[in-house]
Protein backbone atom coordinates (compact mmCIF):
# COMPACT_ATOMS: atom_id res chain seq x y z
CA MET A 1 102.77 120.05 -234.43
CA GLU A 2 99.19 121.61 -235.22
CA GLU A 3 99.45 124.82 -234.07
CA GLU A 4 102.24 127.47 -234.99
CA THR A 5 104.03 128.68 -232.23
CA ASN A 6 105.86 131.62 -231.92
CA LEU A 7 109.37 130.33 -232.17
CA VAL A 8 108.30 128.74 -235.32
CA ARG A 9 106.53 131.73 -236.72
CA PHE A 10 109.52 134.20 -236.12
CA PHE A 11 112.71 131.74 -237.20
CA GLY A 12 110.57 129.40 -239.88
CA ASP A 13 108.94 126.03 -240.34
CA ASN A 14 111.92 124.02 -240.27
CA PRO A 15 112.96 120.72 -238.50
CA PHE A 16 115.62 122.31 -236.29
CA VAL A 17 113.51 124.66 -235.32
CA ARG A 18 110.58 122.48 -234.77
CA MET A 19 113.06 119.83 -232.59
CA LEU A 20 114.30 122.98 -230.39
CA ASP A 21 110.85 124.34 -229.99
CA ALA A 22 109.71 120.55 -228.95
CA PHE A 23 112.25 121.23 -226.09
CA ILE A 24 110.75 124.48 -224.98
CA ASP A 25 107.07 123.28 -224.92
CA ASN A 26 107.67 120.67 -223.08
CA ILE A 27 110.61 122.15 -221.01
CA GLY A 28 112.04 119.82 -218.26
CA GLY A 29 110.64 116.41 -220.02
CA GLU A 30 113.12 114.05 -220.94
CA TYR A 31 112.38 112.20 -224.42
CA SER A 32 114.13 109.64 -226.57
CA LYS A 33 115.31 110.84 -230.22
CA LYS A 34 111.68 108.99 -231.28
CA GLU A 35 109.53 110.97 -228.89
CA VAL A 36 111.34 114.15 -229.99
CA GLN A 37 110.47 113.29 -233.81
CA GLU A 38 106.92 112.73 -232.85
CA LEU A 39 106.58 115.67 -230.70
CA ALA A 40 108.14 118.04 -233.48
CA GLY A 41 106.17 116.22 -236.04
CA ILE A 42 109.21 115.72 -238.46
CA SER A 43 110.38 112.54 -240.34
CA LYS A 44 113.00 110.44 -239.03
CA GLY A 45 115.63 111.52 -242.06
CA ALA A 46 114.93 115.11 -240.59
CA LEU A 47 115.49 114.36 -237.21
CA PHE A 48 118.90 112.45 -237.92
CA LYS A 49 119.88 115.39 -240.37
CA HIS A 50 119.47 118.13 -237.92
CA TRP A 51 119.99 116.40 -234.46
CA LYS A 52 123.84 116.99 -234.85
CA LYS A 53 123.28 120.53 -234.70
CA LEU A 54 121.39 120.62 -230.86
CA GLU A 55 124.35 118.61 -229.76
CA GLU A 56 127.17 120.46 -230.98
CA LEU A 57 125.35 123.86 -230.00
CA ASP A 58 125.11 121.97 -226.40
CA LEU A 59 121.05 122.76 -226.39
CA VAL A 60 120.06 119.31 -225.04
CA ARG A 61 121.99 117.14 -222.68
CA ILE A 62 121.67 113.46 -222.03
CA THR A 63 119.69 112.72 -218.62
CA LYS A 64 119.31 108.55 -218.91
CA THR A 65 120.39 105.80 -220.76
CA PHE A 66 118.79 102.49 -221.03
CA GLY A 67 120.94 100.05 -223.29
CA ASN A 68 121.12 102.06 -226.36
CA THR A 69 118.55 104.21 -225.83
CA LYS A 70 119.16 107.58 -224.50
CA LEU A 71 116.74 110.26 -222.92
CA PHE A 72 117.58 113.93 -223.59
CA THR A 73 116.26 117.33 -222.20
CA LEU A 74 116.81 120.85 -223.09
CA ASN A 75 119.94 122.51 -221.11
CA LYS A 76 118.52 125.14 -219.30
CA GLN A 77 122.24 125.64 -218.19
CA ASN A 78 123.50 126.76 -221.86
CA PRO A 79 123.64 130.47 -222.21
CA LEU A 80 122.35 130.33 -225.96
CA VAL A 81 119.34 128.14 -224.42
CA LYS A 82 118.46 131.09 -221.58
CA ASP A 83 118.35 133.97 -224.50
CA ILE A 84 116.01 131.82 -226.34
CA LEU A 85 114.00 131.15 -223.44
CA ARG A 86 113.75 134.75 -222.88
CA PHE A 87 113.41 135.79 -226.44
CA GLU A 88 110.08 133.10 -226.36
CA ALA A 89 108.55 134.96 -223.06
CA ARG A 90 109.10 138.18 -224.36
CA MET A 91 107.56 136.50 -227.97
CA ILE A 92 104.35 135.63 -225.35
CA GLU A 93 104.07 138.94 -224.19
CA GLU A 94 104.22 140.73 -226.99
CA THR A 95 101.76 138.42 -228.69
CA THR A 96 99.37 138.20 -225.85
CA PRO A 97 96.18 140.69 -226.93
CA LYS A 98 96.17 143.49 -224.86
CA SER A 99 92.65 142.36 -223.33
CA VAL A 100 93.70 139.18 -222.05
CA LYS A 101 96.75 141.26 -220.31
CA ALA A 102 94.39 143.73 -218.58
CA VAL A 103 92.98 140.36 -216.85
CA ALA A 104 95.98 139.36 -215.54
């Protein structure tokens, strides 16, 4: 993750936030744990240390299984995910320069 996103700026730069942010930035996508690790720019150890929390909070869901490989996506039906997405949209709105808003 090269550019700091609003979510990372607000909640801090840690593996859990980076994984959640990777799913939000790529909403609708289906990713293996390895792909999430790469998108989030975190180590394999950090992925496995924090992954359980994503599942416990039902923030991600399995979309496909190929042998031992599972693909995951953001669980947009989860009320917490809905709130996070609304918060993210509000942060984008608040951090967009006024001159850009006037053009849009």
